[in-house]
PDB file of N, CA and C in Angstrom:
ATOM      1  N   MET A   1      79.103  15.018  39.033  1.00  0.00           N
ATOM      2  CA  MET A   1      78.428  15.987  38.168  1.00  0.00           C
ATOM      3  C   MET A   1      78.925  15.812  36.735  1.00  0.00           C
ATOM      4  N   SER A   2      77.991  15.728  35.791  1.00  0.00           N
ATOM      5  CA  SER A   2      78.389  15.529  34.406  1.00  0.00           C
ATOM      6  C   SER A   2      78.507  16.871  33.683  1.00  0.00           C
ATOM      7  N   ALA A   3      79.345  16.890  32.653  1.00  0.00           N
ATOM      8  CA  ALA A   3      79.543  18.104  31.863  1.00  0.00           C
ATOM      9  C   ALA A   3      78.359  18.297  30.926  1.00  0.00           C
ATOM     10  N   LYS A   4      78.068  19.535  30.590  1.00  0.00           N
ATOM     11  CA  LYS A   4      77.003  19.858  29.646  1.00  0.00           C
ATOM     12  C   LYS A   4      77.362  19.282  28.284  1.00  0.00           C
ATOM     13  N   ARG A   5      76.442  18.548  27.689  1.00  0.00           N
ATOM     14  CA  ARG A   5      76.741  17.832  26.454  1.00  0.00           C
ATOM     15  C   ARG A   5      76.267  18.562  25.199  1.00  0.00           C
ATOM     16  N   GLY A   6      75.314  19.441  25.282  1.00  0.00           N
ATOM     17  CA  GLY A   6      74.803  20.094  24.080  1.00  0.00           C
ATOM     18  C   GLY A   6      73.841  19.204  23.327  1.00  0.00           C
ATOM     19  N   ARG A   7      73.573  19.556  22.104  1.00  0.00           N
ATOM     20  CA  ARG A   7      72.599  18.828  21.282  1.00  0.00           C
ATOM     21  C   ARG A   7      73.230  17.546  20.746  1.00  0.00           C
ATOM     22  N   GLU A   8      72.465  16.449  20.849  1.00  0.00           N
ATOM     23  CA  GLU A   8      72.929  15.158  20.365  1.00  0.00           C
ATOM     24  C   GLU A   8      71.868  14.544  19.467  1.00  0.00           C
ATOM     25  N   GLY A   9      72.306  13.636  18.633  1.00  0.00           N
ATOM     26  CA  GLY A   9      71.387  12.917  17.769  1.00  0.00           C
ATOM     27  C   GLY A   9      71.798  11.470  17.670  1.00  0.00           C
ATOM     28  N   ARG A  10      70.838  10.640  17.277  1.00  0.00           N
ATOM     29  CA  ARG A  10      71.152   9.241  17.012  1.00  0.00           C
ATOM     30  C   ARG A  10      70.371   8.782  15.796  1.00  0.00           C
ATOM     31  N   LEU A  11      71.012   7.939  15.021  1.00  0.00           N
ATOM     32  CA  LEU A  11      70.431   7.403  13.802  1.00  0.00           C
ATOM     33  C   LEU A  11      69.380   6.361  14.145  1.00  0.00           C
ATOM     34  N   LYS A  12      68.232   6.458  13.513  1.00  0.00           N
ATOM     35  CA  LYS A  12      67.181   5.457  13.701  1.00  0.00           C
ATOM     36  C   LYS A  12      67.574   4.183  12.943  1.00  0.00           C
ATOM     37  N   PRO A  13      67.343   3.019  13.551  1.00  0.00           N
ATOM     38  CA  PRO A  13      67.778   1.752  12.937  1.00  0.00           C
ATOM     39  C   PRO A  13      67.268   1.518  11.515  1.00  0.00           C
ATOM     40  N   GLN A  14      66.052   1.941  11.219  1.00  0.00           N
ATOM     41  CA  GLN A  14      65.482   1.686   9.891  1.00  0.00           C
ATOM     42  C   GLN A  14      66.186   2.456   8.776  1.00  0.00           C
ATOM     43  N   HIS A  15      67.051   3.431   9.130  1.00  0.00           N
ATOM     44  CA  HIS A  15      67.769   4.214   8.117  1.00  0.00           C
ATOM     45  C   HIS A  15      69.270   3.928   8.118  1.00  0.00           C
ATOM     46  N   ALA A  16      69.699   2.925   8.869  1.00  0.00           N
ATOM     47  CA  ALA A  16      71.125   2.626   9.027  1.00  0.00           C
ATOM     48  C   ALA A  16      71.828   2.345   7.699  1.00  0.00           C
ATOM     49  N   SER A  17      71.168   1.703   6.760  1.00  0.00           N
ATOM     50  CA  SER A  17      71.817   1.352   5.490  1.00  0.00           C
ATOM     51  C   SER A  17      72.206   2.580   4.665  1.00  0.00           C
ATOM     52  N   LEU A  18      71.576   3.713   4.936  1.00  0.00           N
ATOM     53  CA  LEU A  18      71.884   4.946   4.198  1.00  0.00           C
ATOM     54  C   LEU A  18      73.138   5.649   4.711  1.00  0.00           C
ATOM     55  N   TYR A  19      73.607   5.270   5.908  1.00  0.00           N
ATOM     56  CA  TYR A  19      74.700   5.982   6.567  1.00  0.00           C
ATOM     57  C   TYR A  19      75.817   5.025   6.976  1.00  0.00           C
ATOM     58  N   PRO A  20      76.592   4.505   6.011  1.00  0.00           N
ATOM     59  CA  PRO A  20      77.685   3.611   6.385  1.00  0.00           C
ATOM     60  C   PRO A  20      78.644   4.303   7.352  1.00  0.00           C
ATOM     61  N   GLY A  21      79.049   3.571   8.367  1.00  0.00           N
ATOM     62  CA  GLY A  21      79.977   4.127   9.351  1.00  0.00           C
ATOM     63  C   GLY A  21      79.304   4.672  10.588  1.00  0.00           C
ATOM     64  N   LEU A  22      77.989   4.844  10.567  1.00  0.00           N
ATOM     65  CA  LEU A  22      77.256   5.296  11.749  1.00  0.00           C
ATOM     66  C   LEU A  22      76.520   4.111  12.356  1.00  0.00           C
ATOM     67  N   GLN A  23      76.654   3.964  13.659  1.00  0.00           N
ATOM     68  CA  GLN A  23      75.954   2.890  14.351  1.00  0.00           C
ATOM     69  C   GLN A  23      74.602   3.422  14.816  1.00  0.00           C
ATOM     70  N   PRO A  24      73.507   2.768  14.421  1.00  0.00           N
ATOM     71  CA  PRO A  24      72.192   3.251  14.846  1.00  0.00           C
ATOM     72  C   PRO A  24      72.012   3.137  16.354  1.00  0.00           C
ATOM     73  N   GLY A  25      71.251   4.074  16.908  1.00  0.00           N
ATOM     74  CA  GLY A  25      70.919   4.039  18.327  1.00  0.00           C
ATOM     75  C   GLY A  25      71.966   4.616  19.253  1.00  0.00           C
ATOM     76  N   VAL A  26      73.084   5.085  18.727  1.00  0.00           N
ATOM     77  CA  VAL A  26      74.163   5.636  19.554  1.00  0.00           C
ATOM     78  C   VAL A  26      74.081   7.158  19.526  1.00  0.00           C
ATOM     79  N   TRP A  27      73.981   7.778  20.717  1.00  0.00           N
ATOM     80  CA  TRP A  27      73.914   9.242  20.808  1.00  0.00           C
ATOM     81  C   TRP A  27      75.287   9.834  20.522  1.00  0.00           C
ATOM     82  N   LEU A  28      75.323  10.794  19.597  1.00  0.00           N
ATOM     83  CA  LEU A  28      76.551  11.492  19.225  1.00  0.00           C
ATOM     84  C   LEU A  28      76.280  12.991  19.176  1.00  0.00           C
ATOM     85  N   PRO A  29      77.320  13.814  19.398  1.00  0.00           N
ATOM     86  CA  PRO A  29      77.122  15.257  19.221  1.00  0.00           C
ATOM     87  C   PRO A  29      76.657  15.551  17.790  1.00  0.00           C
ATOM     88  N   VAL A  30      75.729  16.462  17.655  1.00  0.00           N
ATOM     89  CA  VAL A  30      75.200  16.809  16.330  1.00  0.00           C
ATOM     90  C   VAL A  30      76.324  17.229  15.393  1.00  0.00           C
ATOM     91  N   GLU A  31      77.325  17.890  15.924  1.00  0.00           N
ATOM     92  CA  GLU A  31      78.452  18.320  15.091  1.00  0.00           C
ATOM     93  C   GLU A  31      79.147  17.123  14.451  1.00  0.00           C
ATOM     94  N   ALA A  32      79.298  16.020  15.199  1.00  0.00           N
ATOM     95  CA  ALA A  32      79.932  14.813  14.656  1.00  0.00           C
ATOM     96  C   ALA A  32      79.057  14.198  13.559  1.00  0.00           C
ATOM     97  N   LEU A  33      77.750  14.204  13.758  1.00  0.00           N
ATOM     98  CA  LEU A  33      76.841  13.676  12.745  1.00  0.00           C
ATOM     99  C   LEU A  33      76.903  14.510  11.471  1.00  0.00           C
ATOM    100  N   ILE A  34      76.954  15.820  11.633  1.00  0.00           N
ATOM    101  CA  ILE A  34      77.037  16.712  10.467  1.00  0.00           C
ATOM    102  C   ILE A  34      78.322  16.445   9.690  1.00  0.00           C
ATOM    103  N   ARG A  35      79.441  16.309  10.406  1.00  0.00           N
ATOM    104  CA  ARG A  35      80.711  16.008   9.727  1.00  0.00           C
ATOM    105  C   ARG A  35      80.615  14.697   8.954  1.00  0.00           C
ATOM    106  N   HIS A  36      80.035  13.690   9.576  1.00  0.00           N
ATOM    107  CA  HIS A  36      79.921  12.383   8.922  1.00  0.00           C
ATOM    108  C   HIS A  36      79.057  12.477   7.666  1.00  0.00           C
ATOM    109  N   VAL A  37      77.917  13.131   7.768  1.00  0.00           N
ATOM    110  CA  VAL A  37      77.017  13.257   6.616  1.00  0.00           C
ATOM    111  C   VAL A  37      77.681  14.050   5.497  1.00  0.00           C
ATOM    112  N   THR A  38      78.382  15.121   5.822  1.00  0.00           N
ATOM    113  CA  THR A  38      79.050  15.894   4.767  1.00  0.00           C
ATOM    114  C   THR A  38      80.149  15.070   4.104  1.00  0.00           C
ATOM    115  N   GLU A  39      80.834  14.223   4.869  1.00  0.00           N
ATOM    116  CA  GLU A  39      81.843  13.334   4.270  1.00  0.00           C
ATOM    117  C   GLU A  39      81.191  12.334   3.328  1.00  0.00           C
ATOM    118  N   LEU A  40      80.051  11.770   3.723  1.00  0.00           N
ATOM    119  CA  LEU A  40      79.341  10.839   2.847  1.00  0.00           C
ATOM    120  C   LEU A  40      78.928  11.515   1.544  1.00  0.00           C
ATOM    121  N   ILE A  41      78.427  12.737   1.639  1.00  0.00           N
ATOM    122  CA  ILE A  41      77.999  13.472   0.449  1.00  0.00           C
ATOM    123  C   ILE A  41      79.196  13.828  -0.422  1.00  0.00           C
ATOM    124  N   HIS A  42      80.312  14.190   0.206  1.00  0.00           N
ATOM    125  CA  HIS A  42      81.522  14.519  -0.547  1.00  0.00           C
ATOM    126  C   HIS A  42      82.024  13.295  -1.315  1.00  0.00           C
ATOM    127  N   GLN A  43      81.968  12.118  -0.685  1.00  0.00           N
ATOM    128  CA  GLN A  43      82.422  10.884  -1.322  1.00  0.00           C
ATOM    129  C   GLN A  43      81.502  10.450  -2.463  1.00  0.00           C
ATOM    130  N   GLU A  44      80.205  10.686  -2.292  1.00  0.00           N
ATOM    131  CA  GLU A  44      79.221  10.269  -3.290  1.00  0.00           C
ATOM    132  C   GLU A  44      78.093  11.305  -3.359  1.00  0.00           C
ATOM    133  N   PRO A  45      78.273  12.366  -4.168  1.00  0.00           N
ATOM    134  CA  PRO A  45      77.296  13.459  -4.219  1.00  0.00           C
ATOM    135  C   PRO A  45      75.859  13.026  -4.508  1.00  0.00           C
ATOM    136  N   SER A  46      75.663  11.979  -5.269  1.00  0.00           N
ATOM    137  CA  SER A  46      74.300  11.541  -5.586  1.00  0.00           C
ATOM    138  C   SER A  46      73.555  11.063  -4.345  1.00  0.00           C
ATOM    139  N   ARG A  47      74.280  10.730  -3.291  1.00  0.00           N
ATOM    140  CA  ARG A  47      73.684  10.260  -2.043  1.00  0.00           C
ATOM    141  C   ARG A  47      72.880  11.370  -1.348  1.00  0.00           C
ATOM    142  N   SER A  48      73.206  12.626  -1.631  1.00  0.00           N
ATOM    143  CA  SER A  48      72.568  13.738  -0.909  1.00  0.00           C
ATOM    144  C   SER A  48      71.045  13.723  -1.042  1.00  0.00           C
ATOM    145  N   ARG A  49      70.529  13.271  -2.156  1.00  0.00           N
ATOM    146  CA  ARG A  49      69.069  13.236  -2.341  1.00  0.00           C
ATOM    147  C   ARG A  49      68.397  12.268  -1.379  1.00  0.00           C
ATOM    148  N   MET A  50      69.127  11.227  -0.980  1.00  0.00           N
ATOM    149  CA  MET A  50      68.551  10.208  -0.101  1.00  0.00           C
ATOM    150  C   MET A  50      68.725  10.542   1.378  1.00  0.00           C
ATOM    151  N   ILE A  51      69.819  11.226   1.739  1.00  0.00           N
ATOM    152  CA  ILE A  51      70.127  11.370   3.163  1.00  0.00           C
ATOM    153  C   ILE A  51      69.938  12.763   3.735  1.00  0.00           C
ATOM    154  N   THR A  52      69.580  13.712   2.900  1.00  0.00           N
ATOM    155  CA  THR A  52      69.315  15.047   3.440  1.00  0.00           C
ATOM    156  C   THR A  52      67.876  15.447   3.132  1.00  0.00           C
ATOM    157  N   GLY A  53      67.396  16.388   3.900  1.00  0.00           N
ATOM    158  CA  GLY A  53      66.058  16.930   3.666  1.00  0.00           C
ATOM    159  C   GLY A  53      66.164  18.434   3.623  1.00  0.00           C
ATOM    160  N   THR A  54      65.254  19.117   4.304  1.00  0.00           N
ATOM    161  CA  THR A  54      65.335  20.573   4.378  1.00  0.00           C
ATOM    162  C   THR A  54      66.509  21.007   5.246  1.00  0.00           C
ATOM    163  N   ARG A  55      67.021  20.090   6.048  1.00  0.00           N
ATOM    164  CA  ARG A  55      68.214  20.308   6.881  1.00  0.00           C
ATOM    165  C   ARG A  55      69.249  19.264   6.471  1.00  0.00           C
ATOM    166  N   LEU A  56      70.505  19.535   6.783  1.00  0.00           N
ATOM    167  CA  LEU A  56      71.558  18.590   6.433  1.00  0.00           C
ATOM    168  C   LEU A  56      71.309  17.227   7.074  1.00  0.00           C
ATOM    169  N   LEU A  57      70.892  17.226   8.344  1.00  0.00           N
ATOM    170  CA  LEU A  57      70.528  15.972   9.000  1.00  0.00           C
ATOM    171  C   LEU A  57      69.035  15.756   8.790  1.00  0.00           C
ATOM    172  N   HIS A  58      68.699  14.735   8.033  1.00  0.00           N
ATOM    173  CA  HIS A  58      67.299  14.460   7.694  1.00  0.00           C
ATOM    174  C   HIS A  58      66.497  14.263   8.983  1.00  0.00           C
ATOM    175  N   GLN A  59      65.462  15.066   9.168  1.00  0.00           N
ATOM    176  CA  GLN A  59      64.672  15.060  10.404  1.00  0.00           C
ATOM    177  C   GLN A  59      64.028  13.706  10.694  1.00  0.00           C
ATOM    178  N   GLU A  60      63.685  12.944   9.669  1.00  0.00           N
ATOM    179  CA  GLU A  60      63.032  11.654   9.879  1.00  0.00           C
ATOM    180  C   GLU A  60      64.026  10.523  10.128  1.00  0.00           C
ATOM    181  N   HIS A  61      65.303  10.759   9.865  1.00  0.00           N
ATOM    182  CA  HIS A  61      66.310   9.706  10.003  1.00  0.00           C
ATOM    183  C   HIS A  61      66.983   9.702  11.370  1.00  0.00           C
ATOM    184  N   PHE A  62      66.854  10.790  12.119  1.00  0.00           N
ATOM    185  CA  PHE A  62      67.550  10.935  13.400  1.00  0.00           C
ATOM    186  C   PHE A  62      66.583  11.341  14.508  1.00  0.00           C
ATOM    187  N   GLU A  63      66.933  10.975  15.734  1.00  0.00           N
ATOM    188  CA  GLU A  63      66.254  11.470  16.934  1.00  0.00           C
ATOM    189  C   GLU A  63      67.218  12.434  17.611  1.00  0.00           C
ATOM    190  N   TYR A  64      66.682  13.386  18.345  1.00  0.00           N
ATOM    191  CA  TYR A  64      67.517  14.417  18.970  1.00  0.00           C
ATOM    192  C   TYR A  64      67.193  14.573  20.447  1.00  0.00           C
ATOM    193  N   ARG A  65      68.190  15.037  21.185  1.00  0.00           N
ATOM    194  CA  ARG A  65      67.994  15.381  22.594  1.00  0.00           C
ATOM    195  C   ARG A  65      68.984  16.486  22.945  1.00  0.00           C
ATOM    196  N   GLY A  66      68.691  17.170  24.041  1.00  0.00           N
ATOM    197  CA  GLY A  66      69.592  18.227  24.512  1.00  0.00           C
ATOM    198  C   GLY A  66      69.333  19.543  23.811  1.00  0.00           C
ATOM    199  N   VAL A  67      70.107  20.524  24.205  1.00  0.00           N
ATOM    200  CA  VAL A  67      69.985  21.858  23.626  1.00  0.00           C
ATOM    201  C   VAL A  67      71.372  22.413  23.349  1.00  0.00           C
ATOM    202  N   SER A  68      71.428  23.321  22.419  1.00  0.00           N
ATOM    203  CA  SER A  68      72.643  24.073  22.131  1.00  0.00           C
ATOM    204  C   SER A  68      72.392  25.511  22.532  1.00  0.00           C
ATOM    205  N   GLU A  69      73.453  26.198  22.908  1.00  0.00           N
ATOM    206  CA  GLU A  69      73.290  27.608  23.249  1.00  0.00           C
ATOM    207  C   GLU A  69      72.858  28.377  22.015  1.00  0.00           C
ATOM    208  N   ARG A  70      71.983  29.351  22.227  1.00  0.00           N
ATOM    209  CA  ARG A  70      71.524  30.192  21.122  1.00  0.00           C
ATOM    210  C   ARG A  70      72.642  31.139  20.705  1.00  0.00           C
ATOM    211  N   PRO A  71      72.873  31.275  19.403  1.00  0.00           N
ATOM    212  CA  PRO A  71      73.868  32.243  18.948  1.00  0.00           C
ATOM    213  C   PRO A  71      73.450  33.656  19.352  1.00  0.00           C
ATOM    214  N   GLU A  72      74.409  34.456  19.716  1.00  0.00           N
ATOM    215  CA  GLU A  72      74.143  35.843  20.102  1.00  0.00           C
ATOM    216  C   GLU A  72      73.472  36.568  18.946  1.00  0.00           C
ATOM    217  N   GLY A  73      72.387  37.261  19.233  1.00  0.00           N
ATOM    218  CA  GLY A  73      71.695  38.047  18.222  1.00  0.00           C
ATOM    219  C   GLY A  73      70.598  37.314  17.470  1.00  0.00           C
ATOM    220  N   LEU A  74      70.431  36.012  17.724  1.00  0.00           N
ATOM    221  CA  LEU A  74      69.364  35.275  17.046  1.00  0.00           C
ATOM    222  C   LEU A  74      68.020  35.760  17.568  1.00  0.00           C
ATOM    223  N   PRO A  75      67.104  36.138  16.685  1.00  0.00           N
ATOM    224  CA  PRO A  75      65.796  36.620  17.150  1.00  0.00           C
ATOM    225  C   PRO A  75      65.123  35.587  18.050  1.00  0.00           C
ATOM    226  N   PRO A  76      64.485  36.030  19.140  1.00  0.00           N
ATOM    227  CA  PRO A  76      63.868  35.104  20.095  1.00  0.00           C
ATOM    228  C   PRO A  76      62.842  34.158  19.484  1.00  0.00           C
ATOM    229  N   SER A  77      62.170  34.580  18.412  1.00  0.00           N
ATOM    230  CA  SER A  77      61.144  33.739  17.801  1.00  0.00           C
ATOM    231  C   SER A  77      61.722  32.674  16.870  1.00  0.00           C
ATOM    232  N   SER A  78      63.018  32.725  16.605  1.00  0.00           N
ATOM    233  CA  SER A  78      63.646  31.753  15.709  1.00  0.00           C
ATOM    234  C   SER A  78      64.256  30.618  16.511  1.00  0.00           C
ATOM    235  N   SER A  79      64.004  29.391  16.066  1.00  0.00           N
ATOM    236  CA  SER A  79      64.565  28.245  16.778  1.00  0.00           C
ATOM    237  C   SER A  79      65.922  27.848  16.240  1.00  0.00           C
ATOM    238  N   ARG A  80      66.239  28.250  15.018  1.00  0.00           N
ATOM    239  CA  ARG A  80      67.526  27.933  14.403  1.00  0.00           C
ATOM    240  C   ARG A  80      68.067  29.186  13.734  1.00  0.00           C
ATOM    241  N   LEU A  81      69.383  29.239  13.585  1.00  0.00           N
ATOM    242  CA  LEU A  81      70.006  30.391  12.952  1.00  0.00           C
ATOM    243  C   LEU A  81      69.461  30.591  11.543  1.00  0.00           C
ATOM    244  N   SER A  82      69.242  29.507  10.809  1.00  0.00           N
ATOM    245  CA  SER A  82      68.759  29.639   9.440  1.00  0.00           C
ATOM    246  C   SER A  82      67.317  30.125   9.381  1.00  0.00           C
ATOM    247  N   ASP A  83      66.560  30.032  10.488  1.00  0.00           N
ATOM    248  CA  ASP A  83      65.184  30.503  10.504  1.00  0.00           C
ATOM    249  C   ASP A  83      65.082  32.024  10.455  1.00  0.00           C
ATOM    250  N   SER A  84      66.135  32.695  10.870  1.00  0.00           N
ATOM    251  CA  SER A  84      66.047  34.151  10.989  1.00  0.00           C
ATOM    252  C   SER A  84      66.066  34.853   9.644  1.00  0.00           C
ATOM    253  N   GLY A  85      66.663  34.234   8.632  1.00  0.00           N
ATOM    254  CA  GLY A  85      66.729  34.856   7.314  1.00  0.00           C
ATOM    255  C   GLY A  85      67.745  35.977   7.237  1.00  0.00           C
ATOM    256  N   ALA A  86      68.481  36.199   8.299  1.00  0.00           N
ATOM    257  CA  ALA A  86      69.503  37.245   8.327  1.00  0.00           C
ATOM    258  C   ALA A  86      70.597  36.830   9.284  1.00  0.00           C
ATOM    259  N   GLU A  87      71.735  37.451   9.145  1.00  0.00           N
ATOM    260  CA  GLU A  87      72.823  37.178  10.073  1.00  0.00           C
ATOM    261  C   GLU A  87      72.449  37.713  11.446  1.00  0.00           C
ATOM    262  N   PRO A  88      72.936  37.101  12.521  1.00  0.00           N
ATOM    263  CA  PRO A  88      72.613  37.585  13.864  1.00  0.00           C
ATOM    264  C   PRO A  88      72.954  39.070  14.019  1.00  0.00           C
ATOM    265  N   SER A  89      72.008  39.820  14.553  1.00  0.00           N
ATOM    266  CA  SER A  89      72.169  41.251  14.821  1.00  0.00           C
ATOM    267  C   SER A  89      72.604  42.054  13.604  1.00  0.00           C
ATOM    268  N   GLY A  90      72.453  41.518  12.412  1.00  0.00           N
ATOM    269  CA  GLY A  90      72.836  42.245  11.215  1.00  0.00           C
ATOM    270  C   GLY A  90      74.331  42.401  11.039  1.00  0.00           C
ATOM    271  N   ARG A  91      75.122  41.748  11.903  1.00  0.00           N
ATOM    272  CA  ARG A  91      76.582  41.841  11.788  1.00  0.00           C
ATOM    273  C   ARG A  91      77.070  40.826  10.769  1.00  0.00           C
ATOM    274  N   PRO A  92      78.132  41.161  10.014  1.00  0.00           N
ATOM    275  CA  PRO A  92      78.686  40.168   9.096  1.00  0.00           C
ATOM    276  C   PRO A  92      79.318  39.025   9.878  1.00  0.00           C
ATOM    277  N   LEU A  93      79.307  37.853   9.278  1.00  0.00           N
ATOM    278  CA  LEU A  93      79.936  36.705   9.911  1.00  0.00           C
ATOM    279  C   LEU A  93      81.452  36.882   9.905  1.00  0.00           C
ATOM    280  N   PRO A  94      82.147  36.415  10.953  1.00  0.00           N
ATOM    281  CA  PRO A  94      83.601  36.544  10.988  1.00  0.00           C
ATOM    282  C   PRO A  94      84.229  35.874   9.776  1.00  0.00           C
ATOM    283  N   GLY A  95      85.188  36.537   9.155  1.00  0.00           N
ATOM    284  CA  GLY A  95      85.882  35.984   8.026  1.00  0.00           C
ATOM    285  C   GLY A  95      85.158  36.166   6.704  1.00  0.00           C
ATOM    286  N   LEU A  96      83.971  36.758   6.718  1.00  0.00           N
ATOM    287  CA  LEU A  96      83.201  36.963   5.498  1.00  0.00           C
ATOM    288  C   LEU A  96      83.375  38.410   5.052  1.00  0.00           C
ATOM    289  N   ASN A  97      83.788  38.598   3.839  1.00  0.00           N
ATOM    290  CA  ASN A  97      83.937  39.928   3.295  1.00  0.00           C
ATOM    291  C   ASN A  97      82.551  40.483   3.009  1.00  0.00           C
ATOM    292  N   PRO A  98      82.113  41.553   3.726  1.00  0.00           N
ATOM    293  CA  PRO A  98      80.752  42.076   3.547  1.00  0.00           C
ATOM    294  C   PRO A  98      80.473  42.528   2.121  1.00  0.00           C
ATOM    295  N   ASP A  99      81.502  42.869   1.342  1.00  0.00           N
ATOM    296  CA  ASP A  99      81.300  43.311  -0.035  1.00  0.00           C
ATOM    297  C   ASP A  99      80.924  42.154  -0.971  1.00  0.00           C
ATOM    298  N   LEU A 100      81.133  40.894  -0.500  1.00  0.00           N
ATOM    299  CA  LEU A 100      80.861  39.735  -1.343  1.00  0.00           C
ATOM    300  C   LEU A 100      79.521  39.110  -1.049  1.00  0.00           C
ATOM    301  N   ARG A 101      78.781  39.634  -0.063  1.00  0.00           N
ATOM    302  CA  ARG A 101      77.468  39.072   0.277  1.00  0.00           C
ATOM    303  C   ARG A 101      76.446  39.452  -0.762  1.00  0.00           C
ATOM    304  N   ASN A 102      75.393  38.626  -0.863  1.00  0.00           N
ATOM    305  CA  ASN A 102      74.297  38.940  -1.802  1.00  0.00           C
ATOM    306  C   ASN A 102      73.481  40.069  -1.274  1.00  0.00           C
TER     307      ASN A 102
END
């Protein structure tokens, strides 16, 4: 029996030159891909225009499989936390001072 893997992504070969250090076609946890992309952007901020879209992981550059557990309080009609436009259940995020929110 295999362990639950969660959401995974793999880089499409035609976009490999934009992501040094990532091997195209290899399934990785989405969290690892996000870390890698943020490191690339941190090293060279001008790269962000080429490798990100409306999401940090450019939808056209990666393929995805699997599912992640829904965060508690995410509205049923929202597919992503950012789709809700509000924090889950209206509760402040842990570690966030509610007086500093917009």
